[in-house]
C-alpha atoms as a PDB file:
ATOM      1  CA  UNK A   1     -26.550-104.088   0.725  1.00  0.00           C
ATOM      2  CA  UNK A   2     -23.826-105.656   3.025  1.00  0.00           C
ATOM      3  CA  UNK A   3     -22.772-109.101   3.895  1.00  0.00           C
ATOM      4  CA  UNK A   4     -25.212-109.018   7.108  1.00  0.00           C
ATOM      5  CA  UNK A   5     -28.398-108.010   4.681  1.00  0.00           C
ATOM      6  CA  UNK A   6     -27.104-110.155   1.894  1.00  0.00           C
ATOM      7  CA  UNK A   7     -27.361-113.167   4.439  1.00  0.00           C
ATOM      8  CA  UNK A   8     -30.965-112.344   5.090  1.00  0.00           C
ATOM      9  CA  UNK A   9     -31.935-113.098   1.440  1.00  0.00           C
ATOM     10  CA  UNK A  10     -29.634-115.724   0.689  1.00  0.00           C
ATOM     11  CA  UNK A  11     -29.499-119.187   3.033  1.00  0.00           C
ATOM     12  CA  UNK A  12     -25.804-119.777   1.583  1.00  0.00           C
ATOM     13  CA  UNK A  13     -23.055-119.525   4.013  1.00  0.00           C
ATOM     14  CA  UNK A  14     -19.281-120.190   3.771  1.00  0.00           C
ATOM     15  CA  UNK A  15     -17.691-121.523   1.209  1.00  0.00           C
ATOM     16  CA  UNK A  16     -20.590-121.222  -0.709  1.00  0.00           C
ATOM     17  CA  UNK A  17     -21.896-117.668  -0.236  1.00  0.00           C
ATOM     18  CA  UNK A  18     -20.765-116.371  -3.663  1.00  0.00           C
ATOM     19  CA  UNK A  19     -21.915-112.373  -3.107  1.00  0.00           C
ATOM     20  CA  UNK A  20     -19.893-110.113  -1.077  1.00  0.00           C
ATOM     21  CA  UNK A  21     -21.806-106.936  -1.832  1.00  0.00           C
ATOM     22  CA  UNK A  22     -24.821-105.584  -3.666  1.00  0.00           C
ATOM     23  CA  UNK A  23     -24.103-102.406  -5.488  1.00  0.00           C
ATOM     24  CA  UNK A  24     -27.829-101.580  -6.450  1.00  0.00           C
ATOM     25  CA  UNK A  25     -30.966-103.582  -7.000  1.00  0.00           C
ATOM     26  CA  UNK A  26     -34.340-102.347  -8.101  1.00  0.00           C
ATOM     27  CA  UNK A  27     -37.250-105.030  -7.637  1.00  0.00           C
ATOM     28  CA  UNK A  28     -38.597-106.457 -10.840  1.00  0.00           C
ATOM     29  CA  UNK A  29     -36.104-104.932 -12.967  1.00  0.00           C
ATOM     30  CA  UNK A  30     -32.175-105.622 -12.200  1.00  0.00           C
ATOM     31  CA  UNK A  31     -29.346-106.243  -9.622  1.00  0.00           C
ATOM     32  CA  UNK A  32     -25.444-105.704  -9.661  1.00  0.00           C
ATOM     33  CA  UNK A  33     -23.615-107.450  -7.180  1.00  0.00           C
ATOM     34  CA  UNK A  34     -20.002-108.140  -6.606  1.00  0.00           C
ATOM     35  CA  UNK A  35     -17.984-111.286  -6.125  1.00  0.00           C
ATOM     36  CA  UNK A  36     -14.334-110.802  -5.174  1.00  0.00           C
ATOM     37  CA  UNK A  37     -12.067-113.329  -6.137  1.00  0.00           C
ATOM     38  CA  UNK A  38      -9.514-114.494  -3.811  1.00  0.00           C
ATOM     39  CA  UNK A  39      -6.615-116.855  -4.013  1.00  0.00           C
ATOM     40  CA  UNK A  40      -7.554-118.030  -0.528  1.00  0.00           C
ATOM     41  CA  UNK A  41     -10.697-119.657  -1.730  1.00  0.00           C
ATOM     42  CA  UNK A  42     -10.822-123.483  -1.460  1.00  0.00           C
ATOM     43  CA  UNK A  43     -11.600-124.227  -5.091  1.00  0.00           C
ATOM     44  CA  UNK A  44      -8.030-122.863  -6.275  1.00  0.00           C
ATOM     45  CA  UNK A  45      -6.436-126.066  -4.396  1.00  0.00           C
ATOM     46  CA  UNK A  46      -7.446-128.275  -7.282  1.00  0.00           C
ATOM     47  CA  UNK A  47      -8.606-125.614 -10.003  1.00  0.00           C
ATOM     48  CA  UNK A  48      -5.541-125.511 -10.752  1.00  0.00           C
ATOM     49  CA  UNK A  49      -2.860-125.591  -8.390  1.00  0.00           C
ATOM     50  CA  UNK A  50      -0.094-123.873 -10.511  1.00  0.00           C
ATOM     51  CA  UNK A  51      -2.709-121.768 -12.818  1.00  0.00           C
ATOM     52  CA  UNK A  52      -5.846-120.851 -10.869  1.00  0.00           C
ATOM     53  CA  UNK A  53      -9.034-119.944 -12.625  1.00  0.00           C
ATOM     54  CA  UNK A  54     -12.399-119.503 -10.933  1.00  0.00           C
ATOM     55  CA  UNK A  55     -14.465-122.573 -11.931  1.00  0.00           C
ATOM     56  CA  UNK A  56     -17.502-121.517 -14.683  1.00  0.00           C
ATOM     57  CA  UNK A  57     -20.261-123.220 -12.724  1.00  0.00           C
ATOM     58  CA  UNK A  58     -19.261-121.078  -9.787  1.00  0.00           C
ATOM     59  CA  UNK A  59     -19.607-117.939 -11.821  1.00  0.00           C
ATOM     60  CA  UNK A  60     -23.163-119.286 -12.653  1.00  0.00           C
ATOM     61  CA  UNK A  61     -23.782-120.381  -9.241  1.00  0.00           C
ATOM     62  CA  UNK A  62     -22.780-116.710  -8.704  1.00  0.00           C
ATOM     63  CA  UNK A  63     -25.248-115.168 -10.828  1.00  0.00           C
ATOM     64  CA  UNK A  64     -27.825-117.520  -9.927  1.00  0.00           C
ATOM     65  CA  UNK A  65     -27.422-116.056  -6.162  1.00  0.00           C
ATOM     66  CA  UNK A  66     -27.535-112.545  -7.383  1.00  0.00           C
ATOM     67  CA  UNK A  67     -31.187-113.392  -9.308  1.00  0.00           C
ATOM     68  CA  UNK A  68     -32.025-114.881  -6.333  1.00  0.00           C
ATOM     69  CA  UNK A  69     -31.497-111.838  -4.461  1.00  0.00           C
ATOM     70  CA  UNK A  70     -33.469-109.806  -6.973  1.00  0.00           C
ATOM     71  CA  UNK A  71     -36.363-112.413  -6.774  1.00  0.00           C
ATOM     72  CA  UNK A  72     -36.782-112.373  -3.084  1.00  0.00           C
ATOM     73  CA  UNK A  73     -36.741-108.607  -3.470  1.00  0.00           C
ATOM     74  CA  UNK A  74     -39.070-108.274  -6.062  1.00  0.00           C
ATOM     75  CA  UNK A  75     -41.354-110.690  -4.011  1.00  0.00           C
ATOM     76  CA  UNK A  76     -40.990-108.764  -0.621  1.00  0.00           C
ATOM     77  CA  UNK A  77     -39.638-112.200   0.854  1.00  0.00           C
ATOM     78  CA  UNK A  78     -36.414-113.304   2.562  1.00  0.00           C
ATOM     79  CA  UNK A  79     -34.481-116.470   3.187  1.00  0.00           C
ATOM     80  CA  UNK A  80     -34.973-116.009   7.204  1.00  0.00           C
ATOM     81  CA  UNK A  81     -38.572-115.958   6.459  1.00  0.00           C
ATOM     82  CA  UNK A  82     -38.393-119.440   5.124  1.00  0.00           C
ATOM     83  CA  UNK A  83     -38.454-118.693   1.395  1.00  0.00           C
ATOM     84  CA  UNK A  84     -36.131-120.094  -0.971  1.00  0.00           C
ATOM     85  CA  UNK A  85     -34.979-119.459  -4.677  1.00  0.00           C
ATOM     86  CA  UNK A  86     -33.885-122.816  -5.994  1.00  0.00           C
ATOM     87  CA  UNK A  87     -31.923-123.018  -9.182  1.00  0.00           C
ATOM     88  CA  UNK A  88     -33.872-124.883 -11.586  1.00  0.00           C
ATOM     89  CA  UNK A  89     -31.756-124.152 -14.890  1.00  0.00           C
ATOM     90  CA  UNK A  90     -29.165-122.327 -16.910  1.00  0.00           C
ATOM     91  CA  UNK A  91     -29.656-122.021 -20.929  1.00  0.00           C
ATOM     92  CA  UNK A  92     -27.527-120.531 -22.932  1.00  0.00           C
ATOM     93  CA  UNK A  93     -24.298-120.371 -20.705  1.00  0.00           C
ATOM     94  CA  UNK A  94     -21.105-118.968 -22.488  1.00  0.00           C
ATOM     95  CA  UNK A  95     -17.785-118.524 -20.834  1.00  0.00           C
ATOM     96  CA  UNK A  96     -15.536-115.531 -22.563  1.00  0.00           C
ATOM     97  CA  UNK A  97     -12.845-115.235 -20.532  1.00  0.00           C
ATOM     98  CA  UNK A  98     -10.970-116.915 -17.658  1.00  0.00           C
ATOM     99  CA  UNK A  99     -11.479-115.532 -14.162  1.00  0.00           C
ATOM    100  CA  UNK A 100      -8.332-115.218 -11.675  1.00  0.00           C
ATOM    101  CA  UNK A 101      -7.755-114.410  -8.494  1.00  0.00           C
ATOM    102  CA  UNK A 102      -7.403-110.612  -8.016  1.00  0.00           C
ATOM    103  CA  UNK A 103     -10.425-109.994 -10.337  1.00  0.00           C
ATOM    104  CA  UNK A 104     -13.640-108.464  -9.076  1.00  0.00           C
ATOM    105  CA  UNK A 105     -16.460-110.288 -10.814  1.00  0.00           C
ATOM    106  CA  UNK A 106     -19.319-107.944 -11.409  1.00  0.00           C
ATOM    107  CA  UNK A 107     -22.909-109.950 -11.592  1.00  0.00           C
ATOM    108  CA  UNK A 108     -25.746-108.624 -13.455  1.00  0.00           C
ATOM    109  CA  UNK A 109     -29.235-110.094 -13.479  1.00  0.00           C
ATOM    110  CA  UNK A 110     -32.478-108.688 -15.352  1.00  0.00           C
ATOM    111  CA  UNK A 111     -35.731-109.812 -14.463  1.00  0.00           C
ATOM    112  CA  UNK A 112     -37.519-111.296 -17.513  1.00  0.00           C
ATOM    113  CA  UNK A 113     -40.630-112.919 -16.341  1.00  0.00           C
ATOM    114  CA  UNK A 114     -42.192-114.752 -13.373  1.00  0.00           C
ATOM    115  CA  UNK A 115     -45.143-117.589 -13.419  1.00  0.00           C
ATOM    116  CA  UNK A 116     -46.607-119.877 -10.797  1.00  0.00           C
ATOM    117  CA  UNK A 117     -43.377-119.385  -8.769  1.00  0.00           C
ATOM    118  CA  UNK A 118     -40.817-119.740 -11.940  1.00  0.00           C
ATOM    119  CA  UNK A 119     -38.695-116.823 -12.319  1.00  0.00           C
ATOM    120  CA  UNK A 120     -36.345-116.211 -15.372  1.00  0.00           C
ATOM    121  CA  UNK A 121     -33.334-113.743 -15.525  1.00  0.00           C
ATOM    122  CA  UNK A 122     -31.154-112.636 -18.117  1.00  0.00           C
ATOM    123  CA  UNK A 123     -27.552-112.631 -16.553  1.00  0.00           C
ATOM    124  CA  UNK A 124     -23.999-111.630 -17.167  1.00  0.00           C
ATOM    125  CA  UNK A 125     -20.575-111.289 -15.294  1.00  0.00           C
ATOM    126  CA  UNK A 126     -18.125-108.797 -16.075  1.00  0.00           C
ATOM    127  CA  UNK A 127     -14.472-108.096 -15.123  1.00  0.00           C
ATOM    128  CA  UNK A 128     -13.136-104.816 -15.985  1.00  0.00           C
ATOM    129  CA  UNK A 129     -16.137-103.835 -17.994  1.00  0.00           C
ATOM    130  CA  UNK A 130     -15.630-107.084 -20.093  1.00  0.00           C
ATOM    131  CA  UNK A 131     -18.208-109.834 -20.186  1.00  0.00           C
ATOM    132  CA  UNK A 132     -16.682-113.013 -18.772  1.00  0.00           C
ATOM    133  CA  UNK A 133     -19.939-115.335 -18.656  1.00  0.00           C
ATOM    134  CA  UNK A 134     -23.493-115.001 -19.860  1.00  0.00           C
ATOM    135  CA  UNK A 135     -26.515-117.158 -18.894  1.00  0.00           C
ATOM    136  CA  UNK A 136     -30.271-117.358 -18.477  1.00  0.00           C
ATOM    137  CA  UNK A 137     -31.080-118.450 -15.176  1.00  0.00           C
ATOM    138  CA  UNK A 138     -34.262-119.931 -14.219  1.00  0.00           C
ATOM    139  CA  UNK A 139     -35.446-120.290 -10.340  1.00  0.00           C
ATOM    140  CA  UNK A 140     -38.027-121.904  -8.402  1.00  0.00           C
ATOM    141  CA  UNK A 141     -39.718-120.387  -5.691  1.00  0.00           C
ATOM    142  CA  UNK A 142     -40.498-122.431  -2.592  1.00  0.00           C
ATOM    143  CA  UNK A 143     -41.439-122.096   1.041  1.00  0.00           C
ATOM    144  CA  UNK A 144     -39.832-124.541   3.600  1.00  0.00           C
END
């Protein structure tokens, strides 16, 4: 999926759209997406000015956005149709290594279960094949 198709599935826009490309997605199974980390992003003005590190909370948000696309694709819905996947929770969050400008963050989410509009995913982020973050993500499906 390129950025135009991603924008059909996610309601987020700059500066909060954190998915640049989807490499692969298999509904009800998994997704592999990419976030390119650039020094030009606004968070690096303050995190940290002389030692830029991509904030962990944004890594978790990027994982949640990838999981949201997987949920939309699995349900056959789109944000442009008036559906939303709201970030409802993150458990077992672990950060293994810092992510810095120039890195390419590979986002992986695996479908676990869904029941009554609540979706669960196991997620991990990698840079150069090494895990930099992990989380269990919960999303709530809503219609506008």
